[in-house]
Amino acid sequence: MCLDSERRTKLTRKTTKPAKKPAAKKSAAKKAAPVKKPAPKKKASAPETILLSRILKSLDDDKAEEVVSIDMDGHSSLCDTIVIANGRSSRHVASIAEHLARRLKEIGYGTRPVNGLAQGDWVLVDAGDVIVHVFRPEVRAYYDLEGMWSVDEKPARTRRAVS
């Protein structure tokens, strides 16, 4: 009799538990994913122009010569703008780049990678959306970055084919 009474209490406890509500049925038809439209060409946003103006001001403060900025929109996904400048000597080139990197860090752009400081012939400062090249005049004439990236204009110099 003990077993029957224990079974009865277990059965009654099971039946007295509240019944679970049936789960809502999911619709059989899945919604189609929205088609993404190509993003319109963006114009230079405020942070990009602020960064560029701060870079140009820093170069001007350090007396960089022949400063040129090239808009890279549509030419490269590497950056939005390239800035090219001259320094009078290797020491001046390295000083311009060091000051620029320090000023960018002070205004909140973080530590910026700087390449070529040891030689001082060609120093590159990667400021994210803007890449800054600082050259000695002879090195700048040799590499001719303006001619390479300014595809809309006639190159500054043309090379003869060697036969």
Protein backbone atom coordinates (compact mmCIF):
# COMPACT_ATOMS: atom_id res chain seq x y z
CA MET A 1 0.00 0.00 0.00
CA CYS A 2 2.85 2.31 0.56
CA LEU A 3 3.92 2.03 -3.01
CA ASP A 4 0.45 2.89 -4.30
CA SER A 5 0.16 5.95 -2.13
CA GLU A 6 3.64 7.15 -3.20
CA ARG A 7 2.75 6.67 -6.85
CA ARG A 8 -0.50 8.56 -6.36
CA THR A 9 1.23 11.52 -4.80
CA LYS A 10 3.81 11.58 -7.60
CA LEU A 11 1.08 11.36 -10.21
CA THR A 12 -0.96 14.08 -8.60
CA ARG A 13 2.09 16.31 -8.26
CA LYS A 14 2.88 15.86 -11.92
CA THR A 15 -0.64 16.64 -13.00
CA THR A 16 -0.97 19.61 -10.69
CA LYS A 17 2.00 21.41 -12.27
CA PRO A 18 0.93 24.23 -14.54
CA ALA A 19 0.93 23.25 -18.18
CA LYS A 20 3.44 24.89 -20.47
CA LYS A 21 2.13 27.29 -23.02
CA PRO A 22 2.61 26.14 -26.59
CA ALA A 23 5.38 27.98 -28.42
CA ALA A 24 4.34 30.50 -31.03
CA LYS A 25 4.55 29.09 -34.53
CA LYS A 26 7.20 30.58 -36.75
CA SER A 27 6.12 31.83 -40.09
CA ALA A 28 7.17 29.56 -42.91
CA ALA A 29 8.02 32.38 -45.30
CA LYS A 30 11.34 34.08 -44.60
CA LYS A 31 11.69 37.75 -45.26
CA ALA A 32 14.03 38.60 -48.10
CA ALA A 33 17.19 40.39 -47.08
CA PRO A 34 17.14 44.06 -48.03
CA VAL A 35 19.22 44.90 -51.08
CA LYS A 36 22.13 47.16 -50.22
CA LYS A 37 22.49 50.16 -52.44
CA PRO A 38 25.99 51.29 -53.31
CA ALA A 39 27.07 54.11 -51.05
CA PRO A 40 27.28 57.46 -52.75
CA LYS A 41 30.72 58.96 -53.10
CA LYS A 42 31.51 60.68 -49.88
CA LYS A 43 32.94 64.11 -49.71
CA ALA A 44 35.65 64.92 -47.21
CA SER A 45 34.04 64.81 -43.80
CA ALA A 46 34.75 67.31 -41.07
CA PRO A 47 37.28 65.13 -39.16
CA GLU A 48 39.26 64.50 -42.36
CA THR A 49 39.45 68.20 -43.21
CA ILE A 50 40.36 69.02 -39.61
CA LEU A 51 43.16 66.45 -39.70
CA LEU A 52 44.41 67.76 -43.04
CA SER A 53 44.33 71.39 -41.86
CA ARG A 54 46.26 70.48 -38.69
CA ILE A 55 48.88 68.64 -40.72
CA LEU A 56 49.26 71.56 -43.12
CA LYS A 57 49.54 73.99 -40.18
CA SER A 58 52.24 71.84 -38.57
CA LEU A 59 54.20 71.72 -41.83
CA ASP A 60 53.87 75.48 -42.19
CA ASP A 61 55.01 76.05 -38.59
CA ASP A 62 58.13 73.94 -39.23
CA LYS A 63 58.86 75.85 -42.46
CA ALA A 64 58.36 72.94 -44.83
CA GLU A 65 58.78 73.98 -48.47
CA GLU A 66 56.70 73.26 -51.59
CA VAL A 67 53.80 71.63 -49.73
CA VAL A 68 51.38 69.84 -52.08
CA SER A 69 48.26 67.86 -51.17
CA ILE A 70 46.81 65.32 -53.59
CA ASP A 71 43.21 64.10 -53.26
CA MET A 72 43.21 60.30 -53.57
CA ASP A 73 39.43 59.80 -53.68
CA GLY A 74 38.80 57.16 -56.35
CA HIS A 75 42.49 56.49 -56.97
CA SER A 76 43.46 54.46 -53.92
CA SER A 77 41.84 52.84 -50.91
CA LEU A 78 45.03 53.36 -48.91
CA CYS A 79 44.25 56.93 -47.87
CA ASP A 80 42.09 59.93 -48.75
CA THR A 81 44.85 62.49 -49.17
CA ILE A 82 48.61 62.49 -49.73
CA VAL A 83 50.63 65.47 -48.55
CA ILE A 84 54.12 65.95 -50.00
CA ALA A 85 56.60 68.49 -48.63
CA ASN A 86 60.29 69.37 -48.79
CA GLY A 87 62.82 69.99 -46.08
CA ARG A 88 66.10 71.82 -46.66
CA SER A 89 68.35 69.05 -45.28
CA SER A 90 68.18 65.56 -43.77
CA ARG A 91 68.04 67.05 -40.29
CA HIS A 92 65.23 69.42 -41.28
CA VAL A 93 63.24 66.57 -42.89
CA ALA A 94 63.55 64.42 -39.76
CA SER A 95 62.63 67.36 -37.52
CA ILE A 96 59.48 68.16 -39.55
CA ALA A 97 58.33 64.53 -39.33
CA GLU A 98 59.07 64.22 -35.59
CA HIS A 99 57.20 67.43 -34.80
CA LEU A 100 54.23 66.35 -36.92
CA ALA A 101 54.00 62.94 -35.21
CA ARG A 102 54.27 64.57 -31.77
CA ARG A 103 51.59 67.18 -32.55
CA LEU A 104 49.22 64.52 -33.88
CA LYS A 105 49.67 62.54 -30.66
CA GLU A 106 49.10 65.65 -28.51
CA ILE A 107 45.81 66.51 -30.22
CA GLY A 108 44.46 62.99 -29.78
CA TYR A 109 45.33 61.01 -32.91
CA GLY A 110 47.53 58.56 -31.00
CA THR A 111 51.03 57.39 -31.83
CA ARG A 112 51.55 57.60 -35.57
CA PRO A 113 53.95 55.33 -37.47
CA VAL A 114 56.96 57.20 -38.83
CA ASN A 115 59.34 55.57 -41.33
CA GLY A 116 62.70 56.80 -42.56
CA LEU A 117 63.76 59.05 -39.66
CA ALA A 118 67.24 57.53 -39.40
CA GLN A 119 68.25 58.51 -42.96
CA GLY A 120 66.23 61.69 -43.27
CA ASP A 121 66.02 61.55 -47.07
CA TRP A 122 62.38 60.49 -47.29
CA VAL A 123 60.24 60.29 -44.16
CA LEU A 124 56.70 58.97 -44.23
CA VAL A 125 54.17 59.79 -41.48
CA ASP A 126 51.01 57.68 -41.61
CA ALA A 127 48.21 59.77 -40.12
CA GLY A 128 45.45 57.34 -41.13
CA ASP A 129 43.33 59.12 -43.73
CA VAL A 130 46.27 61.34 -44.66
CA ILE A 131 49.76 60.10 -45.53
CA VAL A 132 52.54 62.68 -45.30
CA HIS A 133 55.79 62.37 -47.29
CA VAL A 134 58.64 64.70 -46.35
CA PHE A 135 61.58 64.71 -48.77
CA ARG A 136 64.90 66.33 -49.40
CA PRO A 137 64.50 68.23 -52.71
CA GLU A 138 66.75 65.86 -54.73
CA VAL A 139 64.93 62.76 -53.51
CA ARG A 140 61.54 64.31 -54.21
CA ALA A 141 62.56 65.10 -57.78
CA TYR A 142 63.85 61.55 -58.27
CA TYR A 143 60.71 59.74 -57.07
CA ASP A 144 58.21 62.26 -58.51
CA LEU A 145 55.19 61.18 -56.45
CA GLU A 146 53.14 64.09 -57.76
CA GLY A 147 53.58 62.84 -61.31
CA MET A 148 52.67 59.32 -60.33
CA TRP A 149 49.47 60.16 -58.40
CA SER A 150 48.25 63.16 -60.38
CA VAL A 151 46.84 61.10 -63.24
CA ASP A 152 44.37 63.81 -64.27
CA GLU A 153 47.15 66.24 -65.02
CA LYS A 154 50.16 65.99 -67.28
CA PRO A 155 53.13 64.47 -65.41
CA ALA A 156 55.65 66.99 -64.11
CA ARG A 157 58.43 65.24 -65.96
CA THR A 158 58.55 62.59 -68.63
CA ARG A 159 61.18 59.90 -68.96
CA ARG A 160 62.66 58.86 -72.27
CA ALA A 161 62.46 55.23 -73.25
CA VAL A 162 65.84 53.56 -73.24
CA SER A 163 66.45 51.66 -76.48
